[in-house]
């Protein structure tokens, strides 16, 4: 499989269900039961944020013990972090903002990347580099559904992954927008839920979220 085909396949899997749990993890030992709970609930994609020291160990554990999970790394803001995340098993990278040098580094290596782009100028820059899916963060600050609908008019070939302000109550509203490729958020598996070992609850929230996505998208 070529790098371009791999990029397409990874982004297709991200968008298939349309939900990417965004995870802040404090204990790498929680990573495997968390990933298993998400799979039990019907979600086969996860974004481990590079906000805590155990993040890399958590990614490695998921890579080694839960191979059916599509593993991504979030809050990646430097090339050093990108190298570490890829070595730990990440198959795609998510960044909160837009850095053309960082994006170029990823594209040169065939690494699927979802950089943050919320303004027309940022979206144009992403499009110029060949990207067609970008992160929209923080969605609730930058106008949410209303803003994405407006941006999708001049950028009809672009898709967005909003994060920030998405939860079980707003999920359907976001997923109804054709320009939204997937949504990211922590409502399924919060930091507190993970730390408390509430994996049954996480599996339940995953099932409820997937049911909403299927209802909205008809898949």
Protein backbone atom coordinates (compact mmCIF):
# COMPACT_ATOMS: atom_id res chain seq x y z
CA UNK A 1 0.00 0.00 0.00
CA UNK A 2 1.38 3.41 -0.98
CA UNK A 3 1.64 6.30 1.47
CA UNK A 4 -1.26 8.06 -0.26
CA UNK A 5 -3.42 4.94 -0.05
CA UNK A 6 -2.50 4.50 3.62
CA UNK A 7 -3.45 8.09 4.36
CA UNK A 8 -6.78 7.58 2.64
CA UNK A 9 -7.42 4.31 4.49
CA UNK A 10 -6.63 5.81 7.90
CA UNK A 11 -8.82 8.86 7.32
CA UNK A 12 -11.60 6.62 6.03
CA UNK A 13 -11.48 4.58 9.24
CA UNK A 14 -11.54 7.77 11.32
CA UNK A 15 -14.62 8.90 9.46
CA UNK A 16 -16.38 5.54 9.29
CA UNK A 17 -17.98 5.84 12.72
CA UNK A 18 -17.26 9.53 12.99
CA UNK A 19 -16.22 9.54 16.65
CA UNK A 20 -12.67 9.90 17.98
CA UNK A 21 -12.34 9.67 21.77
CA UNK A 22 -9.74 12.21 22.86
CA UNK A 23 -7.90 10.78 25.85
CA UNK A 24 -5.88 12.34 28.64
CA UNK A 25 -4.33 9.46 30.56
CA UNK A 26 -2.45 9.56 33.87
CA UNK A 27 -1.63 5.86 34.21
CA UNK A 28 -0.38 3.75 31.32
CA UNK A 29 -1.85 0.66 33.01
CA UNK A 30 -5.31 2.01 32.16
CA UNK A 31 -4.61 2.14 28.42
CA UNK A 32 -5.42 -1.46 27.49
CA UNK A 33 -8.68 -1.81 29.46
CA UNK A 34 -9.70 1.59 28.10
CA UNK A 35 -9.07 0.57 24.50
CA UNK A 36 -10.89 -2.72 25.07
CA UNK A 37 -13.88 -0.88 26.55
CA UNK A 38 -14.05 1.40 23.51
CA UNK A 39 -13.91 -1.59 21.15
CA UNK A 40 -16.66 -3.26 23.18
CA UNK A 41 -18.73 -0.14 22.66
CA UNK A 42 -18.14 -0.15 18.91
CA UNK A 43 -15.39 2.45 18.57
CA UNK A 44 -12.14 1.34 16.93
CA UNK A 45 -10.27 4.65 16.94
CA UNK A 46 -8.56 6.51 19.78
CA UNK A 47 -6.49 9.67 20.17
CA UNK A 48 -4.05 9.65 23.08
CA UNK A 49 -3.01 13.23 23.80
CA UNK A 50 0.62 14.08 24.46
CA UNK A 51 -0.34 16.06 27.55
CA UNK A 52 0.85 13.64 30.22
CA UNK A 53 4.06 11.73 30.90
CA UNK A 54 2.48 8.24 30.51
CA UNK A 55 1.06 9.01 27.05
CA UNK A 56 3.82 7.25 25.11
CA UNK A 57 3.74 4.16 27.31
CA UNK A 58 -0.05 4.10 26.94
CA UNK A 59 0.28 4.18 23.15
CA UNK A 60 2.85 1.40 23.16
CA UNK A 61 0.58 -0.78 25.29
CA UNK A 62 -2.38 -0.27 22.96
CA UNK A 63 -0.22 -0.96 19.91
CA UNK A 64 1.06 -4.20 21.40
CA UNK A 65 -2.06 -5.51 23.11
CA UNK A 66 -5.06 -4.06 21.23
CA UNK A 67 -4.05 -4.28 17.56
CA UNK A 68 -7.62 -3.75 16.30
CA UNK A 69 -7.60 -0.19 17.64
CA UNK A 70 -6.61 2.59 15.24
CA UNK A 71 -4.18 4.54 17.39
CA UNK A 72 -3.59 8.25 17.02
CA UNK A 73 -1.58 10.80 18.97
CA UNK A 74 -3.06 14.18 19.84
CA UNK A 75 -1.70 17.52 21.02
CA UNK A 76 1.38 16.91 18.87
CA UNK A 77 3.02 20.29 18.44
CA UNK A 78 6.66 19.48 17.59
CA UNK A 79 8.47 17.14 15.24
CA UNK A 80 10.24 15.55 18.22
CA UNK A 81 6.85 14.66 19.69
CA UNK A 82 5.74 13.33 16.32
CA UNK A 83 8.77 11.02 16.11
CA UNK A 84 8.14 9.76 19.64
CA UNK A 85 4.45 9.15 18.98
CA UNK A 86 5.11 7.26 15.74
CA UNK A 87 7.74 5.12 17.48
CA UNK A 88 5.15 4.31 20.15
CA UNK A 89 2.70 3.08 17.53
CA UNK A 90 0.62 6.08 16.51
CA UNK A 91 -0.80 5.74 12.99
CA UNK A 92 -2.04 9.31 12.69
CA UNK A 93 -1.21 12.63 14.33
CA UNK A 94 -3.47 15.43 15.49
CA UNK A 95 -2.19 18.92 16.22
CA UNK A 96 -4.13 21.78 17.84
CA UNK A 97 -2.86 24.39 15.38
CA UNK A 98 -1.44 24.82 11.91
CA UNK A 99 2.34 24.69 11.38
CA UNK A 100 3.21 24.29 7.67
CA UNK A 101 6.66 22.88 8.45
CA UNK A 102 5.18 20.27 10.75
CA UNK A 103 2.56 19.34 8.15
CA UNK A 104 5.22 19.11 5.43
CA UNK A 105 7.32 16.80 7.64
CA UNK A 106 4.34 14.48 8.08
CA UNK A 107 3.38 14.48 4.41
CA UNK A 108 6.96 13.79 3.30
CA UNK A 109 6.88 10.64 5.45
CA UNK A 110 3.39 9.53 4.53
CA UNK A 111 2.05 10.19 8.02
CA UNK A 112 -1.67 11.05 8.18
CA UNK A 113 -1.98 14.39 9.97
CA UNK A 114 -4.94 16.45 11.15
CA UNK A 115 -3.70 19.94 12.03
CA UNK A 116 -5.95 22.55 13.56
CA UNK A 117 -7.32 25.06 11.05
CA UNK A 118 -10.18 27.39 11.96
CA UNK A 119 -9.68 30.54 9.88
CA UNK A 120 -10.05 30.85 6.10
CA UNK A 121 -6.32 31.58 5.81
CA UNK A 122 -5.36 28.47 7.78
CA UNK A 123 -7.77 26.33 5.77
CA UNK A 124 -6.37 27.70 2.50
CA UNK A 125 -2.84 26.91 3.68
CA UNK A 126 -3.84 23.36 4.60
CA UNK A 127 -5.58 22.89 1.27
CA UNK A 128 -2.53 24.22 -0.59
CA UNK A 129 -0.40 21.53 1.09
CA UNK A 130 -2.82 18.86 -0.12
CA UNK A 131 -4.86 18.28 3.02
CA UNK A 132 -8.60 17.75 2.78
CA UNK A 133 -9.40 17.03 6.44
CA UNK A 134 -8.42 19.34 9.31
CA UNK A 135 -9.12 19.62 13.00
CA UNK A 136 -11.44 22.45 14.10
CA UNK A 137 -10.41 23.39 17.65
CA UNK A 138 -11.74 24.60 19.98
CA UNK A 139 -15.03 24.24 18.16
CA UNK A 140 -17.19 25.85 20.83
CA UNK A 141 -14.96 28.95 20.90
CA UNK A 142 -14.72 29.36 17.12
CA UNK A 143 -18.41 29.08 16.32
CA UNK A 144 -19.13 25.35 16.28
CA UNK A 145 -21.65 24.03 13.79
CA UNK A 146 -22.57 27.48 12.52
CA UNK A 147 -18.96 28.34 11.68
CA UNK A 148 -18.25 25.00 10.00
CA UNK A 149 -21.36 25.33 7.83
CA UNK A 150 -20.26 28.82 6.78
CA UNK A 151 -16.69 27.70 6.02
CA UNK A 152 -17.88 24.70 4.02
CA UNK A 153 -19.40 27.00 1.41
CA UNK A 154 -16.13 28.46 0.04
CA UNK A 155 -14.21 25.29 0.95
CA UNK A 156 -16.54 22.66 -0.45
CA UNK A 157 -13.81 20.03 -0.77
CA UNK A 158 -12.65 20.35 2.85
CA UNK A 159 -13.80 18.26 5.81
CA UNK A 160 -13.49 19.10 9.48
CA UNK A 161 -13.01 17.25 12.76
CA UNK A 162 -14.39 19.53 15.47
CA UNK A 163 -13.19 19.07 19.03
CA UNK A 164 -14.23 21.11 22.04
CA UNK A 165 -17.87 21.45 22.99
CA UNK A 166 -18.90 18.12 21.48
CA UNK A 167 -20.76 15.83 23.88
CA UNK A 168 -23.57 13.29 23.91
CA UNK A 169 -26.17 16.06 23.70
CA UNK A 170 -24.57 17.92 20.77
CA UNK A 171 -23.18 14.91 18.88
CA UNK A 172 -26.09 14.51 16.49
CA UNK A 173 -26.10 18.23 15.63
CA UNK A 174 -22.43 18.04 14.61
CA UNK A 175 -22.67 14.76 12.70
CA UNK A 176 -25.58 16.03 10.60
CA UNK A 177 -23.26 18.53 8.93
CA UNK A 178 -21.93 17.02 5.66
CA UNK A 179 -18.63 18.89 6.01
CA UNK A 180 -17.85 17.17 9.31
CA UNK A 181 -15.68 14.11 8.77
CA UNK A 182 -15.68 13.05 12.43
CA UNK A 183 -15.88 14.60 15.87
CA UNK A 184 -13.43 14.36 18.72
CA UNK A 185 -14.07 14.69 22.42
CA UNK A 186 -13.65 13.39 25.93
CA UNK A 187 -17.30 12.81 26.85
CA UNK A 188 -16.97 9.05 26.34
CA UNK A 189 -13.85 8.59 28.44
CA UNK A 190 -12.99 11.50 30.69
CA UNK A 191 -9.78 11.69 32.67
CA UNK A 192 -11.75 11.10 35.87
CA UNK A 193 -13.61 8.07 34.50
CA UNK A 194 -10.38 6.47 33.34
CA UNK A 195 -8.61 7.10 36.64
CA UNK A 196 -11.57 5.58 38.53
CA UNK A 197 -11.52 2.47 36.35
CA UNK A 198 -15.09 3.02 35.11
CA UNK A 199 -14.56 1.00 31.94
CA UNK A 200 -18.10 -0.44 31.91
CA UNK A 201 -19.43 3.10 31.93
CA UNK A 202 -17.05 4.05 29.14
CA UNK A 203 -18.24 1.08 27.05
CA UNK A 204 -21.84 2.16 27.66
CA UNK A 205 -21.18 5.75 26.60
CA UNK A 206 -19.37 4.47 23.53
CA UNK A 207 -22.39 2.35 22.57
CA UNK A 208 -24.76 5.28 23.08
CA UNK A 209 -22.56 7.55 20.97
CA UNK A 210 -22.22 4.98 18.19
CA UNK A 211 -26.00 4.50 18.17
CA UNK A 212 -26.46 8.24 17.65
CA UNK A 213 -23.87 8.28 14.88
CA UNK A 214 -25.53 5.36 13.10
CA UNK A 215 -28.93 6.99 13.38
CA UNK A 216 -27.69 10.29 11.99
CA UNK A 217 -25.46 8.92 9.25
CA UNK A 218 -27.54 5.88 8.39
CA UNK A 219 -24.59 3.48 8.59
